[in-house]
Amino acid sequence: MAVSRRWPEPERDYRAWHRGRSHNDFGLGAVRLIQVRGDLWVANMIGQHGMRTGSKGPPIRYDAVDRCLAALADHAERLAASAHIPRIGTGLAGGHWERIEPLITARLSARDIPVTVYDLA
């Protein structure tokens, strides 16, 4: 929500990407970068299936988050960028930070990509 209020482009792109999913790469583990300023990009990452916890458990898919973070690391290296992220996967996705943080460490920090994690209020 905070990103969408400040920069509407990533949400518009996500919605268009989702609408065209039968003809594009939208799916678990996919990542799209949207440039919102000359030096600022937002990554839309598909790391959950659905929106609500149901009989198959929470929507989070840790393997998809891992693939997203690996792709994000490739982009960050190409752009010589750092990563600034909230505690992804722990809200509506129903994931546990104790499982997400090691993925971030392995995929980003291990490649010397600076990471800042924000706790959103």
C-alpha atoms as a PDB file:
ATOM      1  CA  MET A   1       0.000   0.000   0.000  1.00  0.00           C
ATOM      2  CA  ALA A   2       2.753   2.450   0.897  1.00  0.00           C
ATOM      3  CA  VAL A   3       4.510   1.837  -2.414  1.00  0.00           C
ATOM      4  CA  SER A   4       1.277   2.199  -4.396  1.00  0.00           C
ATOM      5  CA  ARG A   5       0.480   5.506  -2.705  1.00  0.00           C
ATOM      6  CA  ARG A   6       3.891   6.917  -3.569  1.00  0.00           C
ATOM      7  CA  TRP A   7       4.434   5.315  -6.986  1.00  0.00           C
ATOM      8  CA  PRO A   8       1.348   3.965  -8.785  1.00  0.00           C
ATOM      9  CA  GLU A   9       3.349   2.418 -11.652  1.00  0.00           C
ATOM     10  CA  PRO A  10       4.299  -0.872  -9.918  1.00  0.00           C
ATOM     11  CA  GLU A  11       0.692  -1.697  -9.037  1.00  0.00           C
ATOM     12  CA  ARG A  12      -0.527  -0.799 -12.537  1.00  0.00           C
ATOM     13  CA  ASP A  13       2.193  -2.989 -14.026  1.00  0.00           C
ATOM     14  CA  TYR A  14       1.372  -5.857 -11.665  1.00  0.00           C
ATOM     15  CA  ARG A  15      -2.307  -5.740 -12.567  1.00  0.00           C
ATOM     16  CA  ALA A  16      -1.547  -5.701 -16.306  1.00  0.00           C
ATOM     17  CA  TRP A  17       0.971  -8.528 -15.849  1.00  0.00           C
ATOM     18  CA  HIS A  18      -1.665 -10.554 -13.967  1.00  0.00           C
ATOM     19  CA  ARG A  19      -4.375  -9.864 -16.579  1.00  0.00           C
ATOM     20  CA  GLY A  20      -2.086 -11.147 -19.331  1.00  0.00           C
ATOM     21  CA  ARG A  21      -0.899 -14.180 -17.353  1.00  0.00           C
ATOM     22  CA  SER A  22      -2.061 -16.687 -19.949  1.00  0.00           C
ATOM     23  CA  HIS A  23       0.407 -15.124 -22.411  1.00  0.00           C
ATOM     24  CA  ASN A  24       3.366 -14.094 -20.216  1.00  0.00           C
ATOM     25  CA  ASP A  25       5.667 -15.319 -17.443  1.00  0.00           C
ATOM     26  CA  PHE A  26       3.359 -14.431 -14.532  1.00  0.00           C
ATOM     27  CA  GLY A  27       3.610 -17.285 -12.054  1.00  0.00           C
ATOM     28  CA  LEU A  28       5.259 -18.483  -8.885  1.00  0.00           C
ATOM     29  CA  GLY A  29       8.886 -17.375  -8.724  1.00  0.00           C
ATOM     30  CA  ALA A  30       8.543 -14.655 -11.374  1.00  0.00           C
ATOM     31  CA  VAL A  31       9.934 -11.143 -10.870  1.00  0.00           C
ATOM     32  CA  ARG A  32       9.386  -7.879 -12.731  1.00  0.00           C
ATOM     33  CA  LEU A  33      11.275  -4.663 -12.072  1.00  0.00           C
ATOM     34  CA  ILE A  34       9.534  -1.334 -12.574  1.00  0.00           C
ATOM     35  CA  GLN A  35      11.618   1.817 -12.659  1.00  0.00           C
ATOM     36  CA  VAL A  36       9.922   4.567 -10.645  1.00  0.00           C
ATOM     37  CA  ARG A  37      12.829   7.048 -10.672  1.00  0.00           C
ATOM     38  CA  GLY A  38      16.174   7.202 -12.393  1.00  0.00           C
ATOM     39  CA  ASP A  39      17.858   5.344  -9.550  1.00  0.00           C
ATOM     40  CA  LEU A  40      14.922   3.502  -7.983  1.00  0.00           C
ATOM     41  CA  TRP A  41      13.254   0.260  -9.014  1.00  0.00           C
ATOM     42  CA  VAL A  42      10.398  -1.683  -7.440  1.00  0.00           C
ATOM     43  CA  ALA A  43      10.335  -5.468  -7.780  1.00  0.00           C
ATOM     44  CA  ASN A  44       7.010  -7.239  -8.152  1.00  0.00           C
ATOM     45  CA  MET A  45       7.632 -10.818  -7.029  1.00  0.00           C
ATOM     46  CA  ILE A  46       5.213 -13.756  -7.125  1.00  0.00           C
ATOM     47  CA  GLY A  47       5.885 -15.718  -3.951  1.00  0.00           C
ATOM     48  CA  GLN A  48       2.432 -16.857  -2.883  1.00  0.00           C
ATOM     49  CA  HIS A  49      -0.509 -18.728  -4.338  1.00  0.00           C
ATOM     50  CA  GLY A  50      -3.812 -17.094  -3.538  1.00  0.00           C
ATOM     51  CA  MET A  51      -4.678 -14.551  -0.899  1.00  0.00           C
ATOM     52  CA  ARG A  52      -6.085 -16.488   2.066  1.00  0.00           C
ATOM     53  CA  THR A  53      -5.118 -19.375   4.281  1.00  0.00           C
ATOM     54  CA  GLY A  54      -7.253 -22.396   3.458  1.00  0.00           C
ATOM     55  CA  SER A  55      -7.222 -26.148   3.629  1.00  0.00           C
ATOM     56  CA  LYS A  56      -3.839 -26.241   1.857  1.00  0.00           C
ATOM     57  CA  GLY A  57      -2.273 -23.898   4.391  1.00  0.00           C
ATOM     58  CA  PRO A  58      -1.076 -20.315   4.010  1.00  0.00           C
ATOM     59  CA  PRO A  59      -0.553 -18.788   0.549  1.00  0.00           C
ATOM     60  CA  ILE A  60       3.247 -18.416   0.997  1.00  0.00           C
ATOM     61  CA  ARG A  61       5.386 -20.603  -1.241  1.00  0.00           C
ATOM     62  CA  TYR A  62       8.905 -20.528   0.162  1.00  0.00           C
ATOM     63  CA  ASP A  63      10.421 -22.143  -2.925  1.00  0.00           C
ATOM     64  CA  ALA A  64       8.901 -19.398  -5.079  1.00  0.00           C
ATOM     65  CA  VAL A  65      10.192 -16.699  -2.711  1.00  0.00           C
ATOM     66  CA  ASP A  66      13.629 -18.281  -2.984  1.00  0.00           C
ATOM     67  CA  ARG A  67      13.496 -18.169  -6.806  1.00  0.00           C
ATOM     68  CA  CYS A  68      12.291 -14.557  -6.668  1.00  0.00           C
ATOM     69  CA  LEU A  69      15.161 -13.548  -4.409  1.00  0.00           C
ATOM     70  CA  ALA A  70      17.686 -15.277  -6.685  1.00  0.00           C
ATOM     71  CA  ALA A  71      16.330 -13.336  -9.665  1.00  0.00           C
ATOM     72  CA  LEU A  72      16.280 -10.136  -7.611  1.00  0.00           C
ATOM     73  CA  ALA A  73      19.949 -10.699  -6.747  1.00  0.00           C
ATOM     74  CA  ASP A  74      20.788 -10.991 -10.452  1.00  0.00           C
ATOM     75  CA  HIS A  75      19.014  -7.690 -11.130  1.00  0.00           C
ATOM     76  CA  ALA A  76      20.649  -5.996  -8.138  1.00  0.00           C
ATOM     77  CA  GLU A  77      24.112  -7.063  -9.310  1.00  0.00           C
ATOM     78  CA  ARG A  78      23.413  -5.842 -12.851  1.00  0.00           C
ATOM     79  CA  LEU A  79      22.218  -2.482 -11.515  1.00  0.00           C
ATOM     80  CA  ALA A  80      24.833  -2.265  -8.727  1.00  0.00           C
ATOM     81  CA  ALA A  81      21.872  -1.792  -6.402  1.00  0.00           C
ATOM     82  CA  SER A  82      21.033  -2.477  -2.793  1.00  0.00           C
ATOM     83  CA  ALA A  83      17.760  -4.059  -1.670  1.00  0.00           C
ATOM     84  CA  HIS A  84      15.297  -2.305   0.631  1.00  0.00           C
ATOM     85  CA  ILE A  85      12.401  -4.540   1.569  1.00  0.00           C
ATOM     86  CA  PRO A  86       9.690  -5.018   4.169  1.00  0.00           C
ATOM     87  CA  ARG A  87       9.362  -8.381   5.921  1.00  0.00           C
ATOM     88  CA  ILE A  88       8.105 -10.016   2.748  1.00  0.00           C
ATOM     89  CA  GLY A  89       5.870 -13.043   2.973  1.00  0.00           C
ATOM     90  CA  THR A  90       4.834 -12.500   6.583  1.00  0.00           C
ATOM     91  CA  GLY A  91       1.611 -10.548   6.198  1.00  0.00           C
ATOM     92  CA  LEU A  92      -1.341 -11.841   4.203  1.00  0.00           C
ATOM     93  CA  ALA A  93       0.898 -14.563   2.718  1.00  0.00           C
ATOM     94  CA  GLY A  94       1.058 -16.182   6.167  1.00  0.00           C
ATOM     95  CA  GLY A  95       4.772 -16.928   6.104  1.00  0.00           C
ATOM     96  CA  HIS A  96       7.237 -16.947   8.964  1.00  0.00           C
ATOM     97  CA  TRP A  97      10.174 -14.538   9.071  1.00  0.00           C
ATOM     98  CA  GLU A  98      12.327 -17.315  10.518  1.00  0.00           C
ATOM     99  CA  ARG A  99      12.039 -19.059   7.133  1.00  0.00           C
ATOM    100  CA  ILE A 100      12.240 -15.940   4.938  1.00  0.00           C
ATOM    101  CA  GLU A 101      15.291 -14.289   6.520  1.00  0.00           C
ATOM    102  CA  PRO A 102      17.663 -17.203   5.707  1.00  0.00           C
ATOM    103  CA  LEU A 103      16.532 -17.037   2.074  1.00  0.00           C
ATOM    104  CA  ILE A 104      17.411 -13.342   1.940  1.00  0.00           C
ATOM    105  CA  THR A 105      20.767 -14.055   3.544  1.00  0.00           C
ATOM    106  CA  ALA A 106      21.556 -16.879   1.120  1.00  0.00           C
ATOM    107  CA  ARG A 107      20.382 -15.162  -2.045  1.00  0.00           C
ATOM    108  CA  LEU A 108      21.290 -11.510  -1.445  1.00  0.00           C
ATOM    109  CA  SER A 109      23.671 -11.038   1.472  1.00  0.00           C
ATOM    110  CA  ALA A 110      25.876 -13.969   0.409  1.00  0.00           C
ATOM    111  CA  ARG A 111      26.395 -12.160  -2.898  1.00  0.00           C
ATOM    112  CA  ASP A 112      27.418  -8.966  -1.072  1.00  0.00           C
ATOM    113  CA  ILE A 113      24.213  -7.145  -1.985  1.00  0.00           C
ATOM    114  CA  PRO A 114      23.419  -4.686   0.802  1.00  0.00           C
ATOM    115  CA  VAL A 115      19.987  -5.391   2.306  1.00  0.00           C
ATOM    116  CA  THR A 116      17.868  -3.188   4.535  1.00  0.00           C
ATOM    117  CA  VAL A 117      14.721  -4.748   6.005  1.00  0.00           C
ATOM    118  CA  TYR A 118      11.972  -2.450   7.184  1.00  0.00           C
ATOM    119  CA  ASP A 119       9.299  -3.147   9.761  1.00  0.00           C
ATOM    120  CA  LEU A 120       6.258  -1.324   8.484  1.00  0.00           C
ATOM    121  CA  ALA A 121       3.928   0.063  11.095  1.00  0.00           C
END
